[in-house]
Amino acid sequence: RFDFDFGLEESMQRRLDLSVKHSGSFMSREKELIGKLQLDLDQID
């Protein structure tokens, strides 16, 4: 769980920019990004 000290109004102006990443070694050529999600919080109750 992650908490942010935002009022409701401010929260609704935020856009969640989320990434699921693979924690590979920096030396390897493995793909890091697995997937992304962008979500405007005013779309949510």
ModelCIF file with pLDDT and N, C-alpha, C, O atoms, coordinates in Angstrom:
data_MODEL
#
_entry.id   MODEL 
#
_entity.id                         1 
_entity.type                       polymer 
_entity.pdbx_number_of_molecules   1 
#
_entity_poly.entity_id                      1 
_entity_poly.type                           'polypeptide(L)' 
_entity_poly.nstd_linkage                   no 
_entity_poly.nstd_monomer                   no 
_entity_poly.pdbx_seq_one_letter_code       RFDFDFGLEESMQRRLDLSVKHSGSFMSREKELIGKLQLDLDQID 
_entity_poly.pdbx_seq_one_letter_code_can   RFDFDFGLEESMQRRLDLSVKHSGSFMSREKELIGKLQLDLDQID 
_entity_poly.pdbx_strand_id                 A 
#
loop_
_entity_poly_seq.entity_id 
_entity_poly_seq.num 
_entity_poly_seq.mon_id 
_entity_poly_seq.hetero 
1 1  ARG n 
1 2  PHE n 
1 3  ASP n 
1 4  PHE n 
1 5  ASP n 
1 6  PHE n 
1 7  GLY n 
1 8  LEU n 
1 9  GLU n 
1 10 GLU n 
1 11 SER n 
1 12 MET n 
1 13 GLN n 
1 14 ARG n 
1 15 ARG n 
1 16 LEU n 
1 17 ASP n 
1 18 LEU n 
1 19 SER n 
1 20 VAL n 
1 21 LYS n 
1 22 HIS n 
1 23 SER n 
1 24 GLY n 
1 25 SER n 
1 26 PHE n 
1 27 MET n 
1 28 SER n 
1 29 ARG n 
1 30 GLU n 
1 31 LYS n 
1 32 GLU n 
1 33 LEU n 
1 34 ILE n 
1 35 GLY n 
1 36 LYS n 
1 37 LEU n 
1 38 GLN n 
1 39 LEU n 
1 40 ASP n 
1 41 LEU n 
1 42 ASP n 
1 43 GLN n 
1 44 ILE n 
1 45 ASP n 
#
_struct_asym.id          A 
_struct_asym.entity_id   1 
#
loop_
_ma_qa_metric.id 
_ma_qa_metric.mode 
_ma_qa_metric.name 
_ma_qa_metric.software_group_id 
_ma_qa_metric.type 
1 global pLDDT . pLDDT 
2 local  pLDDT . pLDDT 
#
_ma_qa_metric_global.metric_id      1 
_ma_qa_metric_global.metric_value   91.91 
_ma_qa_metric_global.model_id       1 
_ma_qa_metric_global.ordinal_id     1 
#
loop_
_ma_qa_metric_local.label_asym_id 
_ma_qa_metric_local.label_comp_id 
_ma_qa_metric_local.label_seq_id 
_ma_qa_metric_local.metric_id 
_ma_qa_metric_local.metric_value 
_ma_qa_metric_local.model_id 
_ma_qa_metric_local.ordinal_id 
A ARG 1  2 98.00 1 1  
A PHE 2  2 98.00 1 2  
A ASP 3  2 97.00 1 3  
A PHE 4  2 97.00 1 4  
A ASP 5  2 96.00 1 5  
A PHE 6  2 96.00 1 6  
A GLY 7  2 97.00 1 7  
A LEU 8  2 97.00 1 8  
A GLU 9  2 97.00 1 9  
A GLU 10 2 96.00 1 10 
A SER 11 2 97.00 1 11 
A MET 12 2 97.00 1 12 
A GLN 13 2 97.00 1 13 
A ARG 14 2 97.00 1 14 
A ARG 15 2 97.00 1 15 
A LEU 16 2 98.00 1 16 
A ASP 17 2 97.00 1 17 
A LEU 18 2 98.00 1 18 
A SER 19 2 96.00 1 19 
A VAL 20 2 96.00 1 20 
A LYS 21 2 95.00 1 21 
A HIS 22 2 93.00 1 22 
A SER 23 2 92.00 1 23 
A GLY 24 2 80.00 1 24 
A SER 25 2 70.00 1 25 
A PHE 26 2 69.00 1 26 
A MET 27 2 72.00 1 27 
A SER 28 2 74.00 1 28 
A ARG 29 2 72.00 1 29 
A GLU 30 2 71.00 1 30 
A LYS 31 2 76.00 1 31 
A GLU 32 2 88.00 1 32 
A LEU 33 2 92.00 1 33 
A ILE 34 2 93.00 1 34 
A GLY 35 2 94.00 1 35 
A LYS 36 2 96.00 1 36 
A LEU 37 2 96.00 1 37 
A GLN 38 2 96.00 1 38 
A LEU 39 2 97.00 1 39 
A ASP 40 2 97.00 1 40 
A LEU 41 2 98.00 1 41 
A ASP 42 2 97.00 1 42 
A GLN 43 2 96.00 1 43 
A ILE 44 2 96.00 1 44 
A ASP 45 2 97.00 1 45 
#
loop_
_atom_site.group_PDB 
_atom_site.id 
_atom_site.type_symbol 
_atom_site.label_atom_id 
_atom_site.label_alt_id 
_atom_site.label_comp_id 
_atom_site.label_asym_id 
_atom_site.label_entity_id 
_atom_site.label_seq_id 
_atom_site.pdbx_PDB_ins_code 
_atom_site.Cartn_x 
_atom_site.Cartn_y 
_atom_site.Cartn_z 
_atom_site.occupancy 
_atom_site.B_iso_or_equiv 
_atom_site.pdbx_formal_charge 
_atom_site.auth_seq_id 
_atom_site.auth_comp_id 
_atom_site.auth_asym_id 
_atom_site.auth_atom_id 
_atom_site.pdbx_PDB_model_num 
ATOM 1   N N  . ARG A 1 1  ? 0.838   -1.206 0.000   1.00 98.00 ? 1  ARG A N  1 
ATOM 2   C CA . ARG A 1 1  ? 0.000   0.000  0.000   1.00 98.00 ? 1  ARG A CA 1 
ATOM 3   C C  . ARG A 1 1  ? 0.870   1.253  0.000   1.00 98.00 ? 1  ARG A C  1 
ATOM 4   O O  . ARG A 1 1  ? 1.881   1.326  0.699   1.00 98.00 ? 1  ARG A O  1 
ATOM 5   N N  . PHE A 1 2  ? 0.462   2.227  -0.791  1.00 98.00 ? 2  PHE A N  1 
ATOM 6   C CA . PHE A 1 2  ? 1.192   3.495  -0.882  1.00 98.00 ? 2  PHE A CA 1 
ATOM 7   C C  . PHE A 1 2  ? 0.210   4.629  -0.614  1.00 98.00 ? 2  PHE A C  1 
ATOM 8   O O  . PHE A 1 2  ? -0.884  4.664  -1.176  1.00 98.00 ? 2  PHE A O  1 
ATOM 9   N N  . ASP A 1 3  ? 0.613   5.548  0.248   1.00 97.00 ? 3  ASP A N  1 
ATOM 10  C CA . ASP A 1 3  ? -0.263  6.664  0.613   1.00 97.00 ? 3  ASP A CA 1 
ATOM 11  C C  . ASP A 1 3  ? 0.323   7.993  0.151   1.00 97.00 ? 3  ASP A C  1 
ATOM 12  O O  . ASP A 1 3  ? 1.538   8.190  0.136   1.00 97.00 ? 3  ASP A O  1 
ATOM 13  N N  . PHE A 1 4  ? -0.574  8.895  -0.225  1.00 97.00 ? 4  PHE A N  1 
ATOM 14  C CA . PHE A 1 4  ? -0.158  10.234 -0.663  1.00 97.00 ? 4  PHE A CA 1 
ATOM 15  C C  . PHE A 1 4  ? -1.059  11.250 0.012   1.00 97.00 ? 4  PHE A C  1 
ATOM 16  O O  . PHE A 1 4  ? -2.277  11.077 0.060   1.00 97.00 ? 4  PHE A O  1 
ATOM 17  N N  . ASP A 1 5  ? -0.461  12.308 0.532   1.00 96.00 ? 5  ASP A N  1 
ATOM 18  C CA . ASP A 1 5  ? -1.249  13.320 1.231   1.00 96.00 ? 5  ASP A CA 1 
ATOM 19  C C  . ASP A 1 5  ? -1.869  14.290 0.235   1.00 96.00 ? 5  ASP A C  1 
ATOM 20  O O  . ASP A 1 5  ? -1.453  15.444 0.128   1.00 96.00 ? 5  ASP A O  1 
ATOM 21  N N  . PHE A 1 6  ? -2.862  13.806 -0.486  1.00 96.00 ? 6  PHE A N  1 
ATOM 22  C CA . PHE A 1 6  ? -3.574  14.641 -1.447  1.00 96.00 ? 6  PHE A CA 1 
ATOM 23  C C  . PHE A 1 6  ? -5.035  14.698 -1.031  1.00 96.00 ? 6  PHE A C  1 
ATOM 24  O O  . PHE A 1 6  ? -5.623  13.700 -0.616  1.00 96.00 ? 6  PHE A O  1 
ATOM 25  N N  . GLY A 1 7  ? -5.606  15.895 -1.153  1.00 97.00 ? 7  GLY A N  1 
ATOM 26  C CA . GLY A 1 7  ? -7.050  16.006 -0.985  1.00 97.00 ? 7  GLY A CA 1 
ATOM 27  C C  . GLY A 1 7  ? -7.742  15.356 -2.178  1.00 97.00 ? 7  GLY A C  1 
ATOM 28  O O  . GLY A 1 7  ? -7.087  14.985 -3.153  1.00 97.00 ? 7  GLY A O  1 
ATOM 29  N N  . LEU A 1 8  ? -9.042  15.219 -2.106  1.00 97.00 ? 8  LEU A N  1 
ATOM 30  C CA . LEU A 1 8  ? -9.802  14.561 -3.171  1.00 97.00 ? 8  LEU A CA 1 
ATOM 31  C C  . LEU A 1 8  ? -9.659  15.322 -4.486  1.00 97.00 ? 8  LEU A C  1 
ATOM 32  O O  . LEU A 1 8  ? -9.443  14.721 -5.538  1.00 97.00 ? 8  LEU A O  1 
ATOM 33  N N  . GLU A 1 9  ? -9.781  16.640 -4.420  1.00 97.00 ? 9  GLU A N  1 
ATOM 34  C CA . GLU A 1 9  ? -9.678  17.443 -5.645  1.00 97.00 ? 9  GLU A CA 1 
ATOM 35  C C  . GLU A 1 9  ? -8.329  17.226 -6.322  1.00 97.00 ? 9  GLU A C  1 
ATOM 36  O O  . GLU A 1 9  ? -8.241  16.994 -7.527  1.00 97.00 ? 9  GLU A O  1 
ATOM 37  N N  . GLU A 1 10 ? -7.300  17.308 -5.516  1.00 96.00 ? 10 GLU A N  1 
ATOM 38  C CA . GLU A 1 10 ? -5.961  17.167 -6.082  1.00 96.00 ? 10 GLU A CA 1 
ATOM 39  C C  . GLU A 1 10 ? -5.753  15.758 -6.635  1.00 96.00 ? 10 GLU A C  1 
ATOM 40  O O  . GLU A 1 10 ? -5.141  15.573 -7.687  1.00 96.00 ? 10 GLU A O  1 
ATOM 41  N N  . SER A 1 11 ? -6.271  14.772 -5.908  1.00 97.00 ? 11 SER A N  1 
ATOM 42  C CA . SER A 1 11 ? -6.129  13.390 -6.348  1.00 97.00 ? 11 SER A CA 1 
ATOM 43  C C  . SER A 1 11 ? -6.735  13.194 -7.732  1.00 97.00 ? 11 SER A C  1 
ATOM 44  O O  . SER A 1 11 ? -6.196  12.478 -8.576  1.00 97.00 ? 11 SER A O  1 
ATOM 45  N N  . MET A 1 12 ? -7.881  13.858 -7.939  1.00 97.00 ? 12 MET A N  1 
ATOM 46  C CA . MET A 1 12 ? -8.593  13.659 -9.208  1.00 97.00 ? 12 MET A CA 1 
ATOM 47  C C  . MET A 1 12 ? -7.875  14.309 -10.378 1.00 97.00 ? 12 MET A C  1 
ATOM 48  O O  . MET A 1 12 ? -8.170  14.014 -11.536 1.00 97.00 ? 12 MET A O  1 
ATOM 49  N N  . GLN A 1 13 ? -6.934  15.190 -10.077 1.00 97.00 ? 13 GLN A N  1 
ATOM 50  C CA . GLN A 1 13 ? -6.199  15.816 -11.179 1.00 97.00 ? 13 GLN A CA 1 
ATOM 51  C C  . GLN A 1 13 ? -4.954  15.009 -11.538 1.00 97.00 ? 13 GLN A C  1 
ATOM 52  O O  . GLN A 1 13 ? -4.211  15.366 -12.452 1.00 97.00 ? 13 GLN A O  1 
ATOM 53  N N  . ARG A 1 14 ? -4.741  13.934 -10.820 1.00 97.00 ? 14 ARG A N  1 
ATOM 54  C CA . ARG A 1 14 ? -3.534  13.146 -11.045 1.00 97.00 ? 14 ARG A CA 1 
ATOM 55  C C  . ARG A 1 14 ? -3.765  12.064 -12.082 1.00 97.00 ? 14 ARG A C  1 
ATOM 56  O O  . ARG A 1 14 ? -4.885  11.608 -12.313 1.00 97.00 ? 14 ARG A O  1 
ATOM 57  N N  . ARG A 1 15 ? -2.661  11.676 -12.694 1.00 97.00 ? 15 ARG A N  1 
ATOM 58  C CA . ARG A 1 15 ? -2.701  10.594 -13.669 1.00 97.00 ? 15 ARG A CA 1 
ATOM 59  C C  . ARG A 1 15 ? -1.697  9.549  -13.199 1.00 97.00 ? 15 ARG A C  1 
ATOM 60  O O  . ARG A 1 15 ? -0.519  9.848  -12.999 1.00 97.00 ? 15 ARG A O  1 
ATOM 61  N N  . LEU A 1 16 ? -2.166  8.344  -13.028 1.00 98.00 ? 16 LEU A N  1 
ATOM 62  C CA . LEU A 1 16 ? -1.283  7.264  -12.588 1.00 98.00 ? 16 LEU A CA 1 
ATOM 63  C C  . LEU A 1 16 ? -0.499  6.763  -13.795 1.00 98.00 ? 16 LEU A C  1 
ATOM 64  O O  . LEU A 1 16 ? -1.078  6.356  -14.802 1.00 98.00 ? 16 LEU A O  1 
ATOM 65  N N  . ASP A 1 17 ? 0.811   6.799  -13.680 1.00 97.00 ? 17 ASP A N  1 
ATOM 66  C CA . ASP A 1 17 ? 1.686   6.296  -14.744 1.00 97.00 ? 17 ASP A CA 1 
ATOM 67  C C  . ASP A 1 17 ? 2.452   5.125  -14.143 1.00 97.00 ? 17 ASP A C  1 
ATOM 68  O O  . ASP A 1 17 ? 3.424   5.320  -13.413 1.00 97.00 ? 17 ASP A O  1 
ATOM 69  N N  . LEU A 1 18 ? 2.017   3.921  -14.449 1.00 98.00 ? 18 LEU A N  1 
ATOM 70  C CA . LEU A 1 18 ? 2.534   2.734  -13.786 1.00 98.00 ? 18 LEU A CA 1 
ATOM 71  C C  . LEU A 1 18 ? 3.268   1.835  -14.776 1.00 98.00 ? 18 LEU A C  1 
ATOM 72  O O  . LEU A 1 18 ? 2.845   1.670  -15.920 1.00 98.00 ? 18 LEU A O  1 
ATOM 73  N N  . SER A 1 19 ? 4.353   1.268  -14.321 1.00 96.00 ? 19 SER A N  1 
ATOM 74  C CA . SER A 1 19 ? 5.109   0.314  -15.150 1.00 96.00 ? 19 SER A CA 1 
ATOM 75  C C  . SER A 1 19 ? 5.370   -0.952 -14.351 1.00 96.00 ? 19 SER A C  1 
ATOM 76  O O  . SER A 1 19 ? 5.675   -0.901 -13.159 1.00 96.00 ? 19 SER A O  1 
ATOM 77  N N  . VAL A 1 20 ? 5.248   -2.075 -15.019 1.00 96.00 ? 20 VAL A N  1 
ATOM 78  C CA . VAL A 1 20 ? 5.698   -3.333 -14.426 1.00 96.00 ? 20 VAL A CA 1 
ATOM 79  C C  . VAL A 1 20 ? 7.013   -3.637 -15.121 1.00 96.00 ? 20 VAL A C  1 
ATOM 80  O O  . VAL A 1 20 ? 7.076   -3.737 -16.346 1.00 96.00 ? 20 VAL A O  1 
ATOM 81  N N  . LYS A 1 21 ? 8.064   -3.783 -14.323 1.00 95.00 ? 21 LYS A N  1 
ATOM 82  C CA . LYS A 1 21 ? 9.399   -3.944 -14.903 1.00 95.00 ? 21 LYS A CA 1 
ATOM 83  C C  . LYS A 1 21 ? 10.060  -5.221 -14.424 1.00 95.00 ? 21 LYS A C  1 
ATOM 84  O O  . LYS A 1 21 ? 9.732   -5.778 -13.377 1.00 95.00 ? 21 LYS A O  1 
ATOM 85  N N  . HIS A 1 22 ? 11.000  -5.653 -15.233 1.00 93.00 ? 22 HIS A N  1 
ATOM 86  C CA . HIS A 1 22 ? 11.791  -6.838 -14.903 1.00 93.00 ? 22 HIS A CA 1 
ATOM 87  C C  . HIS A 1 22 ? 13.116  -6.348 -14.353 1.00 93.00 ? 22 HIS A C  1 
ATOM 88  O O  . HIS A 1 22 ? 13.814  -5.557 -14.988 1.00 93.00 ? 22 HIS A O  1 
ATOM 89  N N  . SER A 1 23 ? 13.453  -6.827 -13.164 1.00 92.00 ? 23 SER A N  1 
ATOM 90  C CA . SER A 1 23 ? 14.669  -6.376 -12.520 1.00 92.00 ? 23 SER A CA 1 
ATOM 91  C C  . SER A 1 23 ? 15.837  -7.245 -12.976 1.00 92.00 ? 23 SER A C  1 
ATOM 92  O O  . SER A 1 23 ? 16.365  -8.048 -12.206 1.00 92.00 ? 23 SER A O  1 
ATOM 93  N N  . GLY A 1 24 ? 16.230  -7.078 -14.223 1.00 80.00 ? 24 GLY A N  1 
ATOM 94  C CA . GLY A 1 24 ? 17.352  -7.856 -14.758 1.00 80.00 ? 24 GLY A CA 1 
ATOM 95  C C  . GLY A 1 24 ? 18.652  -7.193 -14.378 1.00 80.00 ? 24 GLY A C  1 
ATOM 96  O O  . GLY A 1 24 ? 18.660  -6.100 -13.812 1.00 80.00 ? 24 GLY A O  1 
ATOM 97  N N  . SER A 1 25 ? 19.744  -7.848 -14.685 1.00 70.00 ? 25 SER A N  1 
ATOM 98  C CA . SER A 1 25 ? 21.032  -7.209 -14.397 1.00 70.00 ? 25 SER A CA 1 
ATOM 99  C C  . SER A 1 25 ? 21.254  -6.111 -15.426 1.00 70.00 ? 25 SER A C  1 
ATOM 100 O O  . SER A 1 25 ? 20.766  -6.199 -16.553 1.00 70.00 ? 25 SER A O  1 
ATOM 101 N N  . PHE A 1 26 ? 21.985  -5.085 -15.038 1.00 69.00 ? 26 PHE A N  1 
ATOM 102 C CA . PHE A 1 26 ? 22.204  -3.968 -15.954 1.00 69.00 ? 26 PHE A CA 1 
ATOM 103 C C  . PHE A 1 26 ? 23.017  -4.400 -17.161 1.00 69.00 ? 26 PHE A C  1 
ATOM 104 O O  . PHE A 1 26 ? 22.904  -3.827 -18.245 1.00 69.00 ? 26 PHE A O  1 
ATOM 105 N N  . MET A 1 27 ? 23.836  -5.417 -16.958 1.00 72.00 ? 27 MET A N  1 
ATOM 106 C CA . MET A 1 27 ? 24.716  -5.844 -18.044 1.00 72.00 ? 27 MET A CA 1 
ATOM 107 C C  . MET A 1 27 ? 23.943  -6.619 -19.118 1.00 72.00 ? 27 MET A C  1 
ATOM 108 O O  . MET A 1 27 ? 24.322  -6.620 -20.289 1.00 72.00 ? 27 MET A O  1 
ATOM 109 N N  . SER A 1 28 ? 22.866  -7.269 -18.706 1.00 74.00 ? 28 SER A N  1 
ATOM 110 C CA . SER A 1 28 ? 22.188  -8.146 -19.664 1.00 74.00 ? 28 SER A CA 1 
ATOM 111 C C  . SER A 1 28 ? 21.359  -7.316 -20.633 1.00 74.00 ? 28 SER A C  1 
ATOM 112 O O  . SER A 1 28 ? 21.044  -6.153 -20.381 1.00 74.00 ? 28 SER A O  1 
ATOM 113 N N  . ARG A 1 29 ? 21.017  -7.949 -21.744 1.00 72.00 ? 29 ARG A N  1 
ATOM 114 C CA . ARG A 1 29 ? 20.208  -7.253 -22.745 1.00 72.00 ? 29 ARG A CA 1 
ATOM 115 C C  . ARG A 1 29 ? 18.734  -7.591 -22.576 1.00 72.00 ? 29 ARG A C  1 
ATOM 116 O O  . ARG A 1 29 ? 17.936  -7.386 -23.490 1.00 72.00 ? 29 ARG A O  1 
ATOM 117 N N  . GLU A 1 30 ? 18.376  -8.106 -21.414 1.00 71.00 ? 30 GLU A N  1 
ATOM 118 C CA . GLU A 1 30 ? 16.991  -8.491 -21.213 1.00 71.00 ? 30 GLU A CA 1 
ATOM 119 C C  . GLU A 1 30 ? 16.095  -7.260 -21.232 1.00 71.00 ? 30 GLU A C  1 
ATOM 120 O O  . GLU A 1 30 ? 16.470  -6.178 -20.780 1.00 71.00 ? 30 GLU A O  1 
ATOM 121 N N  . LYS A 1 31 ? 14.928  -7.461 -21.760 1.00 76.00 ? 31 LYS A N  1 
ATOM 122 C CA . LYS A 1 31 ? 13.953  -6.384 -21.811 1.00 76.00 ? 31 LYS A CA 1 
ATOM 123 C C  . LYS A 1 31 ? 13.567  -6.006 -20.386 1.00 76.00 ? 31 LYS A C  1 
ATOM 124 O O  . LYS A 1 31 ? 13.308  -6.869 -19.548 1.00 76.00 ? 31 LYS A O  1 
ATOM 125 N N  . GLU A 1 32 ? 13.536  -4.716 -20.129 1.00 88.00 ? 32 GLU A N  1 
ATOM 126 C CA . GLU A 1 32 ? 13.223  -4.305 -18.758 1.00 88.00 ? 32 GLU A CA 1 
ATOM 127 C C  . GLU A 1 32 ? 11.727  -4.096 -18.560 1.00 88.00 ? 32 GLU A C  1 
ATOM 128 O O  . GLU A 1 32 ? 11.145  -4.557 -17.579 1.00 88.00 ? 32 GLU A O  1 
ATOM 129 N N  . LEU A 1 33 ? 11.117  -3.395 -19.508 1.00 92.00 ? 33 LEU A N  1 
ATOM 130 C CA . LEU A 1 33 ? 9.703   -3.059 -19.330 1.00 92.00 ? 33 LEU A CA 1 
ATOM 131 C C  . LEU A 1 33 ? 8.805   -4.229 -19.729 1.00 92.00 ? 33 LEU A C  1 
ATOM 132 O O  . LEU A 1 33 ? 8.907   -4.743 -20.843 1.00 92.00 ? 33 LEU A O  1 
ATOM 133 N N  . ILE A 1 34 ? 7.938   -4.641 -18.830 1.00 93.00 ? 34 ILE A N  1 
ATOM 134 C CA . ILE A 1 34 ? 7.007   -5.720 -19.145 1.00 93.00 ? 34 ILE A CA 1 
ATOM 135 C C  . ILE A 1 34 ? 5.681   -5.134 -19.629 1.00 93.00 ? 34 ILE A C  1 
ATOM 136 O O  . ILE A 1 34 ? 5.100   -5.609 -20.605 1.00 93.00 ? 34 ILE A O  1 
ATOM 137 N N  . GLY A 1 35 ? 5.218   -4.107 -18.941 1.00 94.00 ? 35 GLY A N  1 
ATOM 138 C CA . GLY A 1 35 ? 3.958   -3.500 -19.365 1.00 94.00 ? 35 GLY A CA 1 
ATOM 139 C C  . GLY A 1 35 ? 3.719   -2.186 -18.655 1.00 94.00 ? 35 GLY A C  1 
ATOM 140 O O  . GLY A 1 35 ? 4.306   -1.904 -17.610 1.00 94.00 ? 35 GLY A O  1 
ATOM 141 N N  . LYS A 1 36 ? 2.823   -1.369 -19.257 1.00 96.00 ? 36 LYS A N  1 
ATOM 142 C CA . LYS A 1 36 ? 2.538   -0.048 -18.694 1.00 96.00 ? 36 LYS A CA 1 
ATOM 143 C C  . LYS A 1 36 ? 1.037   0.148  -18.550 1.00 96.00 ? 36 LYS A C  1 
ATOM 144 O O  . LYS A 1 36 ? 0.227   -0.502 -19.210 1.00 96.00 ? 36 LYS A O  1 
ATOM 145 N N  . LEU A 1 37 ? 0.706   1.066  -17.663 1.00 96.00 ? 37 LEU A N  1 
ATOM 146 C CA . LEU A 1 37 ? -0.693  1.436  -17.483 1.00 96.00 ? 37 LEU A CA 1 
ATOM 147 C C  . LEU A 1 37 ? -0.736  2.928  -17.209 1.00 96.00 ? 37 LEU A C  1 
ATOM 148 O O  . LEU A 1 37 ? -0.003  3.435  -16.360 1.00 96.00 ? 37 LEU A O  1 
ATOM 149 N N  . GLN A 1 38 ? -1.606  3.633  -17.939 1.00 96.00 ? 38 GLN A N  1 
ATOM 150 C CA . GLN A 1 38 ? -1.827  5.044  -17.613 1.00 96.00 ? 38 GLN A CA 1 
ATOM 151 C C  . GLN A 1 38 ? -3.298  5.224  -17.333 1.00 96.00 ? 38 GLN A C  1 
ATOM 152 O O  . GLN A 1 38 ? -4.154  4.762  -18.087 1.00 96.00 ? 38 GLN A O  1 
ATOM 153 N N  . LEU A 1 39 ? -3.577  5.898  -16.247 1.00 97.00 ? 39 LEU A N  1 
ATOM 154 C CA . LEU A 1 39 ? -4.955  5.977  -15.784 1.00 97.00 ? 39 LEU A CA 1 
ATOM 155 C C  . LEU A 1 39 ? -5.210  7.346  -15.163 1.00 97.00 ? 39 LEU A C  1 
ATOM 156 O O  . LEU A 1 39 ? -4.524  7.754  -14.225 1.00 97.00 ? 39 LEU A O  1 
ATOM 157 N N  . ASP A 1 40 ? -6.203  8.046  -15.700 1.00 97.00 ? 40 ASP A N  1 
ATOM 158 C CA . ASP A 1 40 ? -6.592  9.322  -15.093 1.00 97.00 ? 40 ASP A CA 1 
ATOM 159 C C  . ASP A 1 40 ? -7.452  9.017  -13.877 1.00 97.00 ? 40 ASP A C  1 
ATOM 160 O O  . ASP A 1 40 ? -8.441  8.289  -13.966 1.00 97.00 ? 40 ASP A O  1 
ATOM 161 N N  . LEU A 1 41 ? -7.063  9.579  -12.748 1.00 98.00 ? 41 LEU A N  1 
ATOM 162 C CA . LEU A 1 41 ? -7.771  9.227  -11.523 1.00 98.00 ? 41 LEU A CA 1 
ATOM 163 C C  . LEU A 1 41 ? -9.179  9.826  -11.444 1.00 98.00 ? 41 LEU A C  1 
ATOM 164 O O  . LEU A 1 41 ? -9.977  9.426  -10.596 1.00 98.00 ? 41 LEU A O  1 
ATOM 165 N N  . ASP A 1 42 ? -9.486  10.792 -12.336 1.00 97.00 ? 42 ASP A N  1 
ATOM 166 C CA . ASP A 1 42 ? -10.853 11.315 -12.322 1.00 97.00 ? 42 ASP A CA 1 
ATOM 167 C C  . ASP A 1 42 ? -11.824 10.322 -12.979 1.00 97.00 ? 42 ASP A C  1 
ATOM 168 O O  . ASP A 1 42 ? -13.036 10.538 -12.974 1.00 97.00 ? 42 ASP A O  1 
ATOM 169 N N  . GLN A 1 43 ? -11.284 9.240  -13.542 1.00 96.00 ? 43 GLN A N  1 
ATOM 170 C CA . GLN A 1 43 ? -12.126 8.190  -14.125 1.00 96.00 ? 43 GLN A CA 1 
ATOM 171 C C  . GLN A 1 43 ? -12.613 7.221  -13.041 1.00 96.00 ? 43 GLN A C  1 
ATOM 172 O O  . GLN A 1 43 ? -13.441 6.350  -13.307 1.00 96.00 ? 43 GLN A O  1 
ATOM 173 N N  . ILE A 1 44 ? -12.105 7.377  -11.841 1.00 96.00 ? 44 ILE A N  1 
ATOM 174 C CA . ILE A 1 44 ? -12.355 6.401  -10.791 1.00 96.00 ? 44 ILE A CA 1 
ATOM 175 C C  . ILE A 1 44 ? -13.192 7.000  -9.679  1.00 96.00 ? 44 ILE A C  1 
ATOM 176 O O  . ILE A 1 44 ? -13.055 8.182  -9.362  1.00 96.00 ? 44 ILE A O  1 
ATOM 177 N N  . ASP A 1 45 ? -14.055 6.197  -9.089  1.00 97.00 ? 45 ASP A N  1 
ATOM 178 C CA . ASP A 1 45 ? -14.829 6.648  -7.930  1.00 97.00 ? 45 ASP A CA 1 
ATOM 179 C C  . ASP A 1 45 ? -13.914 6.557  -6.714  1.00 97.00 ? 45 ASP A C  1 
ATOM 180 O O  . ASP A 1 45 ? -14.331 6.883  -5.603  1.00 97.00 ? 45 ASP A O  1 
#
